[in-house]
């Protein structure tokens, strides 16, 4: 009976491909403990600056799209 149940998996458990993908592509990080703390001060500041630039760009895009929608509505 144990051999018969061994081949069956619970729904959503996945198979060998899923297990491989999780382990190598989406699984928990290995060997990066304290990575952010281990970087230099300059690297942290550049990372923060890059993050802020990305957020600013996203805000600008949202504002641009909102302005375009309002302009279309005003034309009607």
C-alpha atoms as a PDB file:
ATOM      1  CA  UNK A   1       0.000   0.000   0.000  1.00  0.00           C
ATOM      2  CA  UNK A   2       2.842   2.401   0.711  1.00  0.00           C
ATOM      3  CA  UNK A   3       4.144   1.925  -2.840  1.00  0.00           C
ATOM      4  CA  UNK A   4       0.741   2.771  -4.312  1.00  0.00           C
ATOM      5  CA  UNK A   5       0.459   5.974  -2.261  1.00  0.00           C
ATOM      6  CA  UNK A   6       4.023   7.003  -2.999  1.00  0.00           C
ATOM      7  CA  UNK A   7       3.233   7.679  -6.652  1.00  0.00           C
ATOM      8  CA  UNK A   8       0.233   9.854  -5.829  1.00  0.00           C
ATOM      9  CA  UNK A   9       0.674  13.450  -4.778  1.00  0.00           C
ATOM     10  CA  UNK A  10      -1.755  15.900  -3.308  1.00  0.00           C
ATOM     11  CA  UNK A  11      -3.344  18.282  -5.826  1.00  0.00           C
ATOM     12  CA  UNK A  12      -1.146  21.328  -6.277  1.00  0.00           C
ATOM     13  CA  UNK A  13       1.960  19.606  -4.938  1.00  0.00           C
ATOM     14  CA  UNK A  14       3.559  19.481  -8.378  1.00  0.00           C
ATOM     15  CA  UNK A  15       6.055  17.077  -9.809  1.00  0.00           C
ATOM     16  CA  UNK A  16       9.748  16.888 -10.575  1.00  0.00           C
ATOM     17  CA  UNK A  17       9.647  19.921 -12.863  1.00  0.00           C
ATOM     18  CA  UNK A  18       7.879  22.038 -10.245  1.00  0.00           C
ATOM     19  CA  UNK A  19      10.299  20.897  -7.539  1.00  0.00           C
ATOM     20  CA  UNK A  20      13.287  21.769  -9.746  1.00  0.00           C
ATOM     21  CA  UNK A  21      11.842  25.165 -10.673  1.00  0.00           C
ATOM     22  CA  UNK A  22      11.167  25.998  -7.033  1.00  0.00           C
ATOM     23  CA  UNK A  23      14.583  24.867  -5.891  1.00  0.00           C
ATOM     24  CA  UNK A  24      16.613  26.639  -8.581  1.00  0.00           C
ATOM     25  CA  UNK A  25      14.444  29.570  -9.671  1.00  0.00           C
ATOM     26  CA  UNK A  26      12.057  30.615  -6.925  1.00  0.00           C
ATOM     27  CA  UNK A  27      13.238  28.917  -3.778  1.00  0.00           C
ATOM     28  CA  UNK A  28      14.717  30.506  -0.723  1.00  0.00           C
ATOM     29  CA  UNK A  29      17.974  32.313  -1.248  1.00  0.00           C
ATOM     30  CA  UNK A  30      21.160  30.564  -0.255  1.00  0.00           C
ATOM     31  CA  UNK A  31      24.442  32.181   0.643  1.00  0.00           C
ATOM     32  CA  UNK A  32      23.136  35.742   0.808  1.00  0.00           C
ATOM     33  CA  UNK A  33      22.607  36.076   4.527  1.00  0.00           C
ATOM     34  CA  UNK A  34      23.190  39.700   5.493  1.00  0.00           C
ATOM     35  CA  UNK A  35      23.705  40.775   1.893  1.00  0.00           C
ATOM     36  CA  UNK A  36      22.274  44.255   2.389  1.00  0.00           C
ATOM     37  CA  UNK A  37      24.252  44.841   5.563  1.00  0.00           C
ATOM     38  CA  UNK A  38      27.407  43.504   3.934  1.00  0.00           C
ATOM     39  CA  UNK A  39      27.408  46.063   1.135  1.00  0.00           C
ATOM     40  CA  UNK A  40      29.348  49.263   1.260  1.00  0.00           C
ATOM     41  CA  UNK A  41      27.756  52.532   2.291  1.00  0.00           C
ATOM     42  CA  UNK A  42      28.115  53.814  -1.254  1.00  0.00           C
ATOM     43  CA  UNK A  43      26.368  50.739  -2.665  1.00  0.00           C
ATOM     44  CA  UNK A  44      23.467  51.160  -0.215  1.00  0.00           C
ATOM     45  CA  UNK A  45      23.100  54.827  -1.098  1.00  0.00           C
ATOM     46  CA  UNK A  46      23.143  54.055  -4.820  1.00  0.00           C
ATOM     47  CA  UNK A  47      20.517  51.354  -4.277  1.00  0.00           C
ATOM     48  CA  UNK A  48      18.299  53.803  -2.373  1.00  0.00           C
ATOM     49  CA  UNK A  49      18.785  56.418  -5.087  1.00  0.00           C
ATOM     50  CA  UNK A  50      17.896  53.907  -7.802  1.00  0.00           C
ATOM     51  CA  UNK A  51      14.779  52.850  -5.882  1.00  0.00           C
ATOM     52  CA  UNK A  52      13.676  56.464  -5.508  1.00  0.00           C
ATOM     53  CA  UNK A  53      14.276  57.090  -9.220  1.00  0.00           C
ATOM     54  CA  UNK A  54      12.117  54.087 -10.092  1.00  0.00           C
ATOM     55  CA  UNK A  55       9.345  55.276  -7.768  1.00  0.00           C
ATOM     56  CA  UNK A  56       9.522  58.781  -9.256  1.00  0.00           C
ATOM     57  CA  UNK A  57       9.300  57.390 -12.789  1.00  0.00           C
ATOM     58  CA  UNK A  58       6.262  55.312 -11.812  1.00  0.00           C
ATOM     59  CA  UNK A  59       4.571  58.359 -10.280  1.00  0.00           C
ATOM     60  CA  UNK A  60       5.264  60.390 -13.419  1.00  0.00           C
ATOM     61  CA  UNK A  61       3.804  57.648 -15.615  1.00  0.00           C
ATOM     62  CA  UNK A  62       0.651  57.444 -13.472  1.00  0.00           C
ATOM     63  CA  UNK A  63       0.273  61.239 -13.623  1.00  0.00           C
ATOM     64  CA  UNK A  64       0.797  61.242 -17.406  1.00  0.00           C
ATOM     65  CA  UNK A  65      -1.824  58.542 -17.939  1.00  0.00           C
ATOM     66  CA  UNK A  66      -4.254  60.322 -15.613  1.00  0.00           C
ATOM     67  CA  UNK A  67      -3.763  63.591 -17.533  1.00  0.00           C
ATOM     68  CA  UNK A  68      -4.369  61.788 -20.850  1.00  0.00           C
ATOM     69  CA  UNK A  69      -7.604  60.265 -19.503  1.00  0.00           C
ATOM     70  CA  UNK A  70      -8.815  63.634 -18.244  1.00  0.00           C
ATOM     71  CA  UNK A  71      -7.971  65.264 -21.592  1.00  0.00           C
ATOM     72  CA  UNK A  72      -9.979  62.586 -23.437  1.00  0.00           C
ATOM     73  CA  UNK A  73     -12.925  63.127 -21.096  1.00  0.00           C
ATOM     74  CA  UNK A  74     -12.742  66.910 -21.600  1.00  0.00           C
ATOM     75  CA  UNK A  75     -12.892  66.460 -25.395  1.00  0.00           C
ATOM     76  CA  UNK A  76     -16.240  64.683 -25.201  1.00  0.00           C
END
